[in-house]
N, C-alpha and C. Protein backbone atom coordinates (compact mmCIF):
# COMPACT_ATOMS: atom_id res chain seq x y z
N MET A 1 -99.66 -261.50 -3.57
CA MET A 1 -98.37 -262.02 -3.79
C MET A 1 -97.40 -261.64 -2.60
N GLU A 2 -97.63 -260.44 -2.05
CA GLU A 2 -96.78 -260.00 -0.92
C GLU A 2 -96.85 -260.86 0.28
N THR A 3 -98.16 -261.39 0.60
CA THR A 3 -98.29 -262.23 1.74
C THR A 3 -97.52 -263.52 1.56
N LEU A 4 -97.44 -264.05 0.34
CA LEU A 4 -96.71 -265.28 0.15
C LEU A 4 -95.21 -265.06 0.26
N ILE A 5 -94.77 -263.93 -0.27
CA ILE A 5 -93.39 -263.56 -0.20
C ILE A 5 -92.98 -263.39 1.26
N LYS A 6 -93.82 -262.71 2.06
CA LYS A 6 -93.61 -262.52 3.50
C LYS A 6 -93.56 -263.89 4.20
N ASN A 7 -94.45 -264.82 3.83
CA ASN A 7 -94.46 -266.14 4.43
C ASN A 7 -93.15 -266.88 4.18
N ILE A 8 -92.68 -266.84 2.89
CA ILE A 8 -91.45 -267.44 2.51
C ILE A 8 -90.23 -266.82 3.29
N SER A 9 -90.28 -265.49 3.43
CA SER A 9 -89.10 -264.85 4.04
C SER A 9 -88.91 -265.16 5.49
N LYS A 10 -89.98 -265.77 6.09
CA LYS A 10 -89.81 -266.25 7.44
C LYS A 10 -88.81 -267.47 7.53
N HIS A 11 -88.56 -268.13 6.40
CA HIS A 11 -87.86 -269.36 6.41
C HIS A 11 -86.62 -269.30 5.41
N VAL A 12 -86.68 -268.46 4.40
CA VAL A 12 -85.72 -268.45 3.33
C VAL A 12 -85.59 -267.02 2.90
N LYS A 13 -84.34 -266.62 2.71
CA LYS A 13 -84.04 -265.24 2.22
C LYS A 13 -83.94 -265.30 0.66
N LEU A 14 -84.77 -264.50 -0.06
CA LEU A 14 -84.63 -264.45 -1.53
C LEU A 14 -84.12 -263.09 -1.81
N SER A 15 -83.31 -263.11 -2.91
CA SER A 15 -82.80 -261.83 -3.33
C SER A 15 -83.80 -261.02 -4.19
N PRO A 16 -83.68 -259.83 -4.40
CA PRO A 16 -84.69 -259.11 -5.29
C PRO A 16 -84.82 -259.71 -6.61
N GLU A 17 -83.75 -260.27 -7.21
CA GLU A 17 -83.78 -260.91 -8.53
C GLU A 17 -84.63 -262.21 -8.42
N GLU A 18 -84.39 -262.91 -7.39
CA GLU A 18 -85.20 -264.14 -7.17
C GLU A 18 -86.64 -263.94 -6.96
N ILE A 19 -87.00 -262.83 -6.19
CA ILE A 19 -88.36 -262.47 -5.99
C ILE A 19 -89.02 -262.11 -7.32
N SER A 20 -88.32 -261.41 -8.24
CA SER A 20 -88.84 -261.08 -9.48
C SER A 20 -89.08 -262.33 -10.27
N VAL A 21 -88.19 -263.27 -10.31
CA VAL A 21 -88.36 -264.55 -11.06
C VAL A 21 -89.52 -265.28 -10.44
N PHE A 22 -89.61 -265.42 -9.09
CA PHE A 22 -90.63 -266.11 -8.37
C PHE A 22 -92.03 -265.57 -8.79
N LYS A 23 -92.18 -264.31 -8.79
CA LYS A 23 -93.54 -263.72 -9.10
C LYS A 23 -94.08 -264.16 -10.49
N GLY A 24 -93.16 -264.44 -11.47
CA GLY A 24 -93.55 -264.80 -12.79
C GLY A 24 -94.12 -266.24 -12.86
N PHE A 25 -94.02 -267.06 -11.82
CA PHE A 25 -94.55 -268.40 -11.91
C PHE A 25 -95.95 -268.57 -11.48
N TRP A 26 -96.60 -267.54 -10.88
CA TRP A 26 -97.97 -267.71 -10.26
C TRP A 26 -98.99 -266.99 -11.05
N THR A 27 -100.17 -267.64 -10.87
CA THR A 27 -101.45 -266.96 -11.46
C THR A 27 -102.39 -266.78 -10.28
N GLU A 28 -103.28 -265.89 -10.48
CA GLU A 28 -104.36 -265.65 -9.47
C GLU A 28 -105.63 -266.29 -9.87
N LYS A 29 -106.35 -266.79 -8.86
CA LYS A 29 -107.60 -267.42 -9.15
C LYS A 29 -108.62 -267.03 -8.00
N THR A 30 -109.87 -266.73 -8.33
CA THR A 30 -110.90 -266.46 -7.36
C THR A 30 -111.95 -267.54 -7.43
N LEU A 31 -112.35 -268.10 -6.32
CA LEU A 31 -113.40 -269.04 -6.11
C LEU A 31 -114.59 -268.43 -5.43
N GLU A 32 -115.74 -268.57 -5.92
CA GLU A 32 -116.94 -268.12 -5.20
C GLU A 32 -117.27 -269.19 -4.17
N LYS A 33 -118.05 -268.79 -3.16
CA LYS A 33 -118.52 -269.65 -2.07
C LYS A 33 -119.18 -270.85 -2.74
N GLY A 34 -118.81 -272.07 -2.33
CA GLY A 34 -119.39 -273.33 -2.86
C GLY A 34 -118.65 -273.88 -4.06
N GLU A 35 -117.76 -273.06 -4.76
CA GLU A 35 -117.17 -273.60 -5.92
C GLU A 35 -116.01 -274.56 -5.61
N LEU A 36 -115.90 -275.57 -6.42
CA LEU A 36 -114.88 -276.57 -6.25
C LEU A 36 -113.55 -276.18 -6.84
N LEU A 37 -112.52 -276.33 -6.06
CA LEU A 37 -111.16 -276.16 -6.58
C LEU A 37 -110.61 -277.43 -7.19
N LEU A 38 -111.01 -278.49 -6.51
CA LEU A 38 -110.62 -279.85 -6.97
C LEU A 38 -111.76 -280.86 -6.68
N ARG A 39 -111.93 -281.76 -7.65
CA ARG A 39 -113.03 -282.70 -7.55
C ARG A 39 -112.46 -284.08 -7.49
N ASN A 40 -112.94 -284.91 -6.57
CA ASN A 40 -112.60 -286.35 -6.50
C ASN A 40 -112.54 -286.95 -7.88
N GLY A 41 -111.46 -287.66 -8.27
CA GLY A 41 -111.23 -288.26 -9.56
C GLY A 41 -110.51 -287.37 -10.48
N GLU A 42 -110.26 -286.10 -10.21
CA GLU A 42 -109.42 -285.23 -11.09
C GLU A 42 -108.01 -285.30 -10.57
N ILE A 43 -107.09 -284.89 -11.48
CA ILE A 43 -105.73 -284.75 -11.05
C ILE A 43 -105.51 -283.30 -10.55
N CYS A 44 -104.88 -283.12 -9.41
CA CYS A 44 -104.54 -281.87 -8.84
C CYS A 44 -103.44 -281.24 -9.64
N ARG A 45 -103.82 -280.28 -10.52
CA ARG A 45 -102.81 -279.67 -11.43
C ARG A 45 -102.07 -278.52 -10.84
N TYR A 46 -102.57 -277.94 -9.68
CA TYR A 46 -101.98 -276.75 -9.14
C TYR A 46 -101.78 -276.83 -7.61
N ASP A 47 -100.72 -276.25 -7.18
CA ASP A 47 -100.45 -275.99 -5.73
C ASP A 47 -101.12 -274.64 -5.47
N ASN A 48 -101.78 -274.51 -4.34
CA ASN A 48 -102.66 -273.33 -4.09
C ASN A 48 -102.28 -272.69 -2.71
N TYR A 49 -102.02 -271.42 -2.79
CA TYR A 49 -101.72 -270.61 -1.66
C TYR A 49 -102.92 -269.70 -1.51
N ILE A 50 -103.54 -269.63 -0.27
CA ILE A 50 -104.73 -268.93 -0.03
C ILE A 50 -104.28 -267.38 0.39
N ILE A 51 -104.71 -266.49 -0.46
CA ILE A 51 -104.47 -265.09 -0.10
C ILE A 51 -105.43 -264.60 0.93
N SER A 52 -106.71 -264.93 0.59
CA SER A 52 -107.85 -264.67 1.58
C SER A 52 -108.94 -265.62 1.23
N GLY A 53 -109.71 -265.98 2.29
CA GLY A 53 -110.84 -266.92 2.15
C GLY A 53 -110.68 -268.11 3.02
N ALA A 54 -111.47 -269.13 2.70
CA ALA A 54 -111.41 -270.39 3.39
C ALA A 54 -111.83 -271.52 2.52
N LEU A 55 -111.18 -272.62 2.66
CA LEU A 55 -111.45 -273.85 1.98
C LEU A 55 -111.59 -275.07 2.86
N LYS A 56 -112.24 -276.05 2.36
CA LYS A 56 -112.31 -277.31 3.06
C LYS A 56 -112.01 -278.40 2.01
N ALA A 57 -111.34 -279.48 2.54
CA ALA A 57 -111.04 -280.65 1.75
C ALA A 57 -111.87 -281.73 2.43
N PHE A 58 -112.52 -282.58 1.59
CA PHE A 58 -113.43 -283.53 2.13
C PHE A 58 -113.65 -284.74 1.17
N CYS A 59 -114.02 -285.81 1.80
CA CYS A 59 -114.52 -287.00 1.04
C CYS A 59 -115.94 -287.25 1.50
N ILE A 60 -116.69 -287.94 0.63
CA ILE A 60 -118.04 -288.33 1.07
C ILE A 60 -117.96 -289.78 1.54
N ASN A 61 -118.47 -289.93 2.79
CA ASN A 61 -118.49 -291.27 3.36
C ASN A 61 -119.53 -292.13 2.62
N PRO A 62 -119.09 -293.21 1.91
CA PRO A 62 -120.12 -293.98 1.15
C PRO A 62 -121.17 -294.72 2.01
N GLU A 63 -120.88 -294.92 3.33
CA GLU A 63 -121.83 -295.61 4.13
C GLU A 63 -123.01 -294.71 4.57
N ASN A 64 -122.75 -293.41 4.82
CA ASN A 64 -123.84 -292.50 5.31
C ASN A 64 -123.97 -291.30 4.47
N GLY A 65 -123.14 -291.02 3.49
CA GLY A 65 -123.26 -289.81 2.66
C GLY A 65 -122.76 -288.57 3.24
N ASN A 66 -122.21 -288.60 4.47
CA ASN A 66 -121.74 -287.40 5.14
C ASN A 66 -120.35 -287.02 4.65
N GLU A 67 -120.11 -285.74 4.70
CA GLU A 67 -118.75 -285.19 4.42
C GLU A 67 -117.88 -285.52 5.54
N GLU A 68 -116.70 -285.96 5.19
CA GLU A 68 -115.59 -286.25 6.08
C GLU A 68 -114.51 -285.21 5.86
N ILE A 69 -114.29 -284.27 6.74
CA ILE A 69 -113.39 -283.17 6.57
C ILE A 69 -111.97 -283.57 6.79
N LEU A 70 -111.13 -283.49 5.81
CA LEU A 70 -109.74 -283.91 5.85
C LEU A 70 -108.87 -282.75 6.38
N PHE A 71 -109.15 -281.52 5.82
CA PHE A 71 -108.41 -280.34 6.37
C PHE A 71 -109.25 -279.08 6.08
N LEU A 72 -109.01 -278.07 6.87
CA LEU A 72 -109.56 -276.79 6.67
C LEU A 72 -108.38 -275.77 6.43
N ALA A 73 -108.60 -274.83 5.60
CA ALA A 73 -107.49 -273.83 5.34
C ALA A 73 -108.00 -272.44 5.12
N ILE A 74 -107.30 -271.47 5.73
CA ILE A 74 -107.67 -270.05 5.68
C ILE A 74 -106.52 -269.24 5.11
N ASP A 75 -106.59 -267.96 5.20
CA ASP A 75 -105.65 -267.00 4.71
C ASP A 75 -104.23 -267.39 5.16
N ASP A 76 -103.32 -267.29 4.19
CA ASP A 76 -101.90 -267.53 4.41
C ASP A 76 -101.61 -269.00 4.64
N TRP A 77 -102.43 -269.88 4.16
CA TRP A 77 -102.20 -271.29 4.28
C TRP A 77 -102.19 -271.97 2.87
N TRP A 78 -101.75 -273.14 2.77
CA TRP A 78 -101.75 -273.90 1.51
C TRP A 78 -102.90 -274.86 1.51
N ALA A 79 -103.44 -275.12 0.33
CA ALA A 79 -104.62 -276.06 0.19
C ALA A 79 -104.42 -276.81 -1.15
N THR A 80 -103.85 -278.01 -1.01
CA THR A 80 -103.62 -278.88 -2.13
C THR A 80 -103.71 -280.32 -1.78
N ASP A 81 -104.03 -281.16 -2.69
CA ASP A 81 -103.89 -282.61 -2.55
C ASP A 81 -102.43 -282.89 -2.86
N ILE A 82 -101.59 -282.97 -1.83
CA ILE A 82 -100.15 -283.11 -2.06
C ILE A 82 -99.86 -284.40 -2.91
N HIS A 83 -100.53 -285.54 -2.48
CA HIS A 83 -100.21 -286.75 -3.23
C HIS A 83 -100.53 -286.58 -4.75
N SER A 84 -101.75 -286.08 -5.06
CA SER A 84 -102.21 -285.96 -6.44
C SER A 84 -101.28 -284.99 -7.18
N PHE A 85 -100.99 -283.88 -6.53
CA PHE A 85 -100.18 -282.87 -7.17
C PHE A 85 -98.70 -283.41 -7.44
N SER A 86 -98.12 -284.03 -6.52
CA SER A 86 -96.72 -284.42 -6.65
C SER A 86 -96.59 -285.57 -7.56
N ARG A 87 -97.55 -286.45 -7.56
CA ARG A 87 -97.49 -287.72 -8.43
C ARG A 87 -98.28 -287.52 -9.76
N GLN A 88 -99.06 -286.43 -9.78
CA GLN A 88 -99.95 -286.24 -10.96
C GLN A 88 -100.93 -287.44 -11.20
N LYS A 89 -101.47 -287.94 -10.07
CA LYS A 89 -102.44 -288.99 -10.07
C LYS A 89 -103.80 -288.45 -9.61
N VAL A 90 -104.88 -289.16 -9.83
CA VAL A 90 -106.19 -288.66 -9.50
C VAL A 90 -106.29 -288.45 -7.96
N SER A 91 -107.08 -287.44 -7.58
CA SER A 91 -107.32 -287.15 -6.19
C SER A 91 -108.51 -288.02 -5.67
N ILE A 92 -108.36 -288.29 -4.33
CA ILE A 92 -109.45 -289.11 -3.76
C ILE A 92 -110.44 -288.19 -2.97
N TYR A 93 -110.18 -286.83 -2.97
CA TYR A 93 -111.09 -285.90 -2.28
C TYR A 93 -111.33 -284.67 -3.02
N ASN A 94 -112.20 -283.81 -2.52
CA ASN A 94 -112.66 -282.60 -3.04
C ASN A 94 -112.08 -281.42 -2.20
N ILE A 95 -111.85 -280.29 -2.87
CA ILE A 95 -111.49 -279.07 -2.16
C ILE A 95 -112.51 -278.00 -2.61
N GLN A 96 -113.15 -277.43 -1.64
CA GLN A 96 -114.30 -276.47 -1.92
C GLN A 96 -114.19 -275.18 -1.14
N ALA A 97 -114.53 -274.08 -1.73
CA ALA A 97 -114.60 -272.82 -1.04
C ALA A 97 -115.70 -272.70 -0.08
N ILE A 98 -115.34 -272.33 1.14
CA ILE A 98 -116.40 -272.08 2.23
C ILE A 98 -116.88 -270.67 2.09
N GLU A 99 -116.13 -269.80 1.62
CA GLU A 99 -116.47 -268.41 1.33
C GLU A 99 -115.66 -267.99 0.02
N LYS A 100 -115.91 -266.76 -0.38
CA LYS A 100 -115.14 -266.28 -1.57
C LYS A 100 -113.66 -266.32 -1.17
N THR A 101 -112.86 -266.96 -2.12
CA THR A 101 -111.50 -267.19 -1.79
C THR A 101 -110.56 -266.77 -2.97
N HIS A 102 -109.55 -266.05 -2.56
CA HIS A 102 -108.55 -265.56 -3.59
C HIS A 102 -107.29 -266.43 -3.38
N LEU A 103 -106.81 -266.96 -4.48
CA LEU A 103 -105.62 -267.95 -4.44
C LEU A 103 -104.57 -267.43 -5.37
N LEU A 104 -103.36 -267.92 -4.99
CA LEU A 104 -102.22 -267.89 -6.02
C LEU A 104 -101.94 -269.32 -6.35
N GLN A 105 -101.83 -269.64 -7.65
CA GLN A 105 -101.59 -271.01 -8.08
C GLN A 105 -100.37 -271.19 -8.94
N ILE A 106 -99.84 -272.35 -8.75
CA ILE A 106 -98.64 -272.71 -9.65
C ILE A 106 -98.88 -274.12 -10.15
N SER A 107 -98.68 -274.31 -11.40
CA SER A 107 -98.92 -275.64 -12.03
C SER A 107 -97.74 -276.61 -11.63
N HIS A 108 -97.96 -277.83 -11.76
CA HIS A 108 -96.98 -278.87 -11.42
C HIS A 108 -95.64 -278.59 -12.21
N GLN A 109 -95.81 -278.39 -13.51
CA GLN A 109 -94.66 -278.22 -14.29
C GLN A 109 -93.87 -276.91 -13.99
N SER A 110 -94.62 -275.86 -13.64
CA SER A 110 -93.98 -274.61 -13.31
C SER A 110 -93.33 -274.73 -11.91
N PHE A 111 -93.97 -275.54 -11.10
CA PHE A 111 -93.41 -275.73 -9.69
C PHE A 111 -92.05 -276.34 -9.79
N GLN A 112 -91.89 -277.42 -10.70
CA GLN A 112 -90.69 -278.05 -10.84
C GLN A 112 -89.58 -277.12 -11.35
N LYS A 113 -90.04 -276.33 -12.35
CA LYS A 113 -89.10 -275.36 -12.94
C LYS A 113 -88.68 -274.28 -11.93
N LEU A 114 -89.55 -273.80 -11.09
CA LEU A 114 -89.27 -272.87 -10.04
C LEU A 114 -88.29 -273.36 -9.16
N LEU A 115 -88.32 -274.59 -8.69
CA LEU A 115 -87.44 -275.25 -7.78
C LEU A 115 -86.02 -275.32 -8.39
N GLN A 116 -85.96 -275.54 -9.76
CA GLN A 116 -84.70 -275.54 -10.40
C GLN A 116 -84.05 -274.18 -10.48
N GLU A 117 -84.88 -273.17 -10.73
CA GLU A 117 -84.42 -271.82 -10.88
C GLU A 117 -84.00 -271.13 -9.61
N ILE A 118 -84.75 -271.48 -8.52
CA ILE A 118 -84.41 -270.96 -7.17
C ILE A 118 -84.37 -272.11 -6.18
N PRO A 119 -83.25 -272.75 -6.16
CA PRO A 119 -83.05 -273.97 -5.34
C PRO A 119 -83.31 -273.72 -3.82
N SER A 120 -83.16 -272.51 -3.33
CA SER A 120 -83.43 -272.30 -1.87
C SER A 120 -84.87 -272.49 -1.52
N LEU A 121 -85.83 -272.48 -2.48
CA LEU A 121 -87.15 -272.74 -2.21
C LEU A 121 -87.42 -274.19 -1.82
N GLU A 122 -86.54 -275.07 -2.13
CA GLU A 122 -86.68 -276.54 -1.71
C GLU A 122 -86.73 -276.49 -0.22
N LYS A 123 -85.89 -275.72 0.41
CA LYS A 123 -85.93 -275.64 1.94
C LYS A 123 -87.30 -275.13 2.44
N TYR A 124 -87.82 -274.08 1.79
CA TYR A 124 -89.07 -273.51 2.27
C TYR A 124 -90.22 -274.59 2.13
N PHE A 125 -90.27 -275.25 1.02
CA PHE A 125 -91.42 -276.24 0.82
C PHE A 125 -91.14 -277.45 1.66
N ARG A 126 -89.93 -277.79 1.98
CA ARG A 126 -89.64 -278.90 2.96
C ARG A 126 -90.24 -278.52 4.34
N ILE A 127 -90.00 -277.23 4.77
CA ILE A 127 -90.47 -276.81 6.01
C ILE A 127 -91.99 -276.82 6.02
N ILE A 128 -92.63 -276.36 5.00
CA ILE A 128 -94.10 -276.43 4.92
C ILE A 128 -94.57 -277.86 5.00
N LEU A 129 -93.96 -278.75 4.33
CA LEU A 129 -94.40 -280.13 4.36
C LEU A 129 -94.15 -280.78 5.71
N GLU A 130 -93.07 -280.44 6.32
CA GLU A 130 -92.80 -280.96 7.68
C GLU A 130 -93.86 -280.54 8.67
N GLY A 131 -94.24 -279.31 8.50
CA GLY A 131 -95.35 -278.73 9.39
C GLY A 131 -96.61 -279.40 9.18
N TYR A 132 -96.97 -279.70 7.92
CA TYR A 132 -98.18 -280.34 7.60
C TYR A 132 -98.12 -281.78 8.09
N LEU A 133 -97.03 -282.45 7.94
CA LEU A 133 -96.95 -283.81 8.42
C LEU A 133 -97.03 -283.88 9.92
N GLY A 134 -96.46 -282.92 10.62
CA GLY A 134 -96.58 -282.85 12.07
C GLY A 134 -97.98 -282.71 12.44
N THR A 135 -98.74 -281.83 11.78
CA THR A 135 -100.14 -281.62 12.09
C THR A 135 -100.95 -282.89 11.96
N LEU A 136 -100.66 -283.63 10.81
CA LEU A 136 -101.35 -284.89 10.58
C LEU A 136 -101.08 -285.91 11.68
N GLU A 137 -99.76 -285.99 12.05
CA GLU A 137 -99.45 -286.97 13.08
C GLU A 137 -100.09 -286.59 14.48
N LYS A 138 -100.15 -285.31 14.78
CA LYS A 138 -100.86 -284.85 15.99
C LYS A 138 -102.29 -285.25 15.97
N ARG A 139 -102.88 -285.01 14.81
CA ARG A 139 -104.37 -285.27 14.69
C ARG A 139 -104.64 -286.66 14.84
N VAL A 140 -103.80 -287.60 14.31
CA VAL A 140 -104.02 -289.04 14.53
C VAL A 140 -103.91 -289.40 15.96
N VAL A 141 -102.91 -288.88 16.59
CA VAL A 141 -102.75 -289.19 18.05
C VAL A 141 -103.87 -288.67 18.92
N PHE A 142 -104.25 -287.43 18.65
CA PHE A 142 -105.41 -286.79 19.42
C PHE A 142 -106.69 -287.58 19.17
N ASN A 143 -106.87 -288.02 17.91
CA ASN A 143 -108.15 -288.73 17.58
C ASN A 143 -108.21 -290.05 18.31
N HIS A 144 -107.03 -290.70 18.58
CA HIS A 144 -107.12 -291.96 19.26
C HIS A 144 -106.91 -291.92 20.76
N MET A 145 -106.34 -290.78 21.29
CA MET A 145 -106.03 -290.82 22.65
C MET A 145 -106.77 -289.77 23.52
N HIS A 146 -107.49 -288.87 22.85
CA HIS A 146 -108.17 -287.79 23.65
C HIS A 146 -109.70 -287.81 23.40
N LYS A 147 -110.33 -287.37 24.48
CA LYS A 147 -111.81 -287.25 24.40
C LYS A 147 -112.16 -286.03 23.59
N ALA A 148 -113.43 -285.94 23.22
CA ALA A 148 -113.87 -284.91 22.29
C ALA A 148 -113.62 -283.54 22.87
N GLU A 149 -113.88 -283.30 24.12
CA GLU A 149 -113.64 -282.00 24.67
C GLU A 149 -112.18 -281.55 24.63
N GLN A 150 -111.30 -282.43 24.97
CA GLN A 150 -109.88 -282.09 24.78
C GLN A 150 -109.46 -281.79 23.33
N LYS A 151 -109.93 -282.64 22.42
CA LYS A 151 -109.66 -282.33 20.96
C LYS A 151 -110.13 -280.94 20.60
N TYR A 152 -111.35 -280.58 21.00
CA TYR A 152 -111.89 -279.19 20.68
C TYR A 152 -111.08 -278.13 21.36
N LEU A 153 -110.76 -278.30 22.63
CA LEU A 153 -110.00 -277.20 23.33
C LEU A 153 -108.61 -277.05 22.77
N ASP A 154 -107.94 -278.15 22.34
CA ASP A 154 -106.69 -278.09 21.71
C ASP A 154 -106.78 -277.39 20.35
N PHE A 155 -107.88 -277.67 19.60
CA PHE A 155 -108.09 -277.03 18.32
C PHE A 155 -108.19 -275.50 18.47
N LEU A 156 -109.01 -275.08 19.54
CA LEU A 156 -109.07 -273.64 19.80
C LEU A 156 -107.82 -272.95 20.11
N GLU A 157 -106.97 -273.76 20.92
CA GLU A 157 -105.67 -273.13 21.24
C GLU A 157 -104.72 -273.17 20.07
N THR A 158 -104.71 -274.20 19.28
CA THR A 158 -103.82 -274.30 18.15
C THR A 158 -104.16 -273.37 16.98
N TYR A 159 -105.46 -273.22 16.70
CA TYR A 159 -106.01 -272.49 15.53
C TYR A 159 -107.00 -271.44 15.88
N PRO A 160 -106.66 -270.42 16.74
CA PRO A 160 -107.59 -269.39 17.09
C PRO A 160 -108.16 -268.62 15.94
N ASP A 161 -107.43 -268.41 14.86
CA ASP A 161 -107.90 -267.69 13.73
C ASP A 161 -108.97 -268.44 12.88
N ILE A 162 -108.86 -269.74 12.95
CA ILE A 162 -109.73 -270.53 12.10
C ILE A 162 -111.13 -270.55 12.68
N VAL A 163 -111.29 -270.47 14.00
CA VAL A 163 -112.61 -270.64 14.63
C VAL A 163 -113.52 -269.47 14.22
N SER A 164 -112.97 -268.30 13.97
CA SER A 164 -113.87 -267.17 13.54
C SER A 164 -114.25 -267.20 12.10
N LYS A 165 -113.54 -268.05 11.31
CA LYS A 165 -113.81 -268.08 9.80
C LYS A 165 -114.63 -269.39 9.43
N ILE A 166 -114.45 -270.36 10.15
CA ILE A 166 -115.02 -271.69 9.76
C ILE A 166 -116.28 -272.02 10.54
N PRO A 167 -117.38 -272.40 9.90
CA PRO A 167 -118.58 -272.77 10.63
C PRO A 167 -118.32 -273.93 11.64
N GLN A 168 -119.02 -273.86 12.71
CA GLN A 168 -118.85 -274.86 13.81
C GLN A 168 -119.10 -276.30 13.37
N TYR A 169 -120.07 -276.50 12.49
CA TYR A 169 -120.33 -277.88 12.06
C TYR A 169 -119.16 -278.44 11.21
N LEU A 170 -118.46 -277.60 10.54
CA LEU A 170 -117.19 -278.15 9.81
C LEU A 170 -116.10 -278.48 10.75
N ILE A 171 -115.91 -277.61 11.75
CA ILE A 171 -114.92 -277.94 12.79
C ILE A 171 -115.28 -279.21 13.51
N ALA A 172 -116.53 -279.38 13.79
CA ALA A 172 -117.02 -280.63 14.42
C ALA A 172 -116.66 -281.88 13.52
N SER A 173 -116.98 -281.73 12.28
CA SER A 173 -116.73 -282.81 11.30
C SER A 173 -115.18 -283.14 11.24
N TYR A 174 -114.37 -282.03 11.19
CA TYR A 174 -112.92 -282.28 11.15
C TYR A 174 -112.42 -282.96 12.45
N LEU A 175 -113.01 -282.65 13.55
CA LEU A 175 -112.61 -283.24 14.78
C LEU A 175 -113.19 -284.66 15.06
N GLY A 176 -114.26 -285.00 14.26
CA GLY A 176 -114.99 -286.28 14.43
C GLY A 176 -115.91 -286.22 15.57
N ILE A 177 -116.43 -285.10 15.84
CA ILE A 177 -117.45 -285.00 16.93
C ILE A 177 -118.69 -284.25 16.39
N SER A 178 -119.73 -284.20 17.21
CA SER A 178 -121.01 -283.60 16.68
C SER A 178 -120.96 -282.09 16.95
N ALA A 179 -121.64 -281.27 16.07
CA ALA A 179 -121.79 -279.85 16.34
C ALA A 179 -122.53 -279.52 17.68
N GLU A 180 -123.36 -280.39 17.98
CA GLU A 180 -124.15 -280.28 19.30
C GLU A 180 -123.19 -280.39 20.42
N PHE A 181 -122.29 -281.41 20.41
CA PHE A 181 -121.31 -281.56 21.42
C PHE A 181 -120.48 -280.28 21.65
N ILE A 182 -120.00 -279.72 20.50
CA ILE A 182 -119.26 -278.48 20.54
C ILE A 182 -120.06 -277.37 21.21
N SER A 183 -121.40 -277.25 20.87
CA SER A 183 -122.15 -276.29 21.53
C SER A 183 -122.19 -276.47 23.00
N ARG A 184 -122.29 -277.62 23.51
CA ARG A 184 -122.26 -277.97 24.87
C ARG A 184 -120.95 -277.55 25.50
N ILE A 185 -119.83 -277.92 24.90
CA ILE A 185 -118.52 -277.51 25.39
C ILE A 185 -118.41 -276.02 25.44
N ARG A 186 -118.80 -275.35 24.44
CA ARG A 186 -118.69 -273.84 24.42
C ARG A 186 -119.56 -273.28 25.49
N LYS A 187 -120.69 -273.81 25.73
CA LYS A 187 -121.66 -273.26 26.77
C LYS A 187 -120.97 -273.52 28.14
N LYS A 188 -120.50 -274.72 28.35
CA LYS A 188 -119.87 -275.11 29.58
C LYS A 188 -118.66 -274.21 29.92
N ASN A 189 -117.89 -273.98 28.89
CA ASN A 189 -116.58 -273.21 29.04
C ASN A 189 -116.80 -271.70 28.73
N LYS A 190 -118.00 -271.33 28.38
CA LYS A 190 -118.37 -269.96 28.07
C LYS A 190 -117.56 -269.32 26.94
N TYR A 191 -117.30 -270.19 25.82
CA TYR A 191 -116.70 -269.73 24.67
C TYR A 191 -117.76 -269.04 23.72
N SER A 192 -117.33 -268.06 23.07
CA SER A 192 -118.28 -267.35 22.18
C SER A 192 -118.31 -268.00 20.91
């Protein structure tokens, strides 16, 4: 809980009373490696903050059966199907633990109540969503305008912490390149 409060305090100042109220809205959940947090076709009932661990969100490509990675998430990140959660409609993808993962969760109903009780959190969640949207926009541009090596090098620079936690084949899938190509780039540039 303290890591989430610290994350929030970077953007919004909460009073001790608000922190006390805030803590009452969250529950803890642990996922084992391989366990699904959300399954395609289910409604995303919870917003999820990762205390520790790693998750991947993915769809299965119906043409070849391969996983298409939508996002990767590690400690101190959020992992939710935003559309499914906010609209309470079925999800089109899966979210799965890459390793044992500890989460804080808040239900949709509790989230709405939380925002009513602590209005300053609207600003925090707006900032989080703006960051997420910016990341998606950058990804679209990079996927269309940059070659595989540049996409990988930018990923390394932007997310140095993720590279040590996420297997190379998942990073390759996320970037839309092959794991073998990443191996060649790493060898060429002497990345470990």
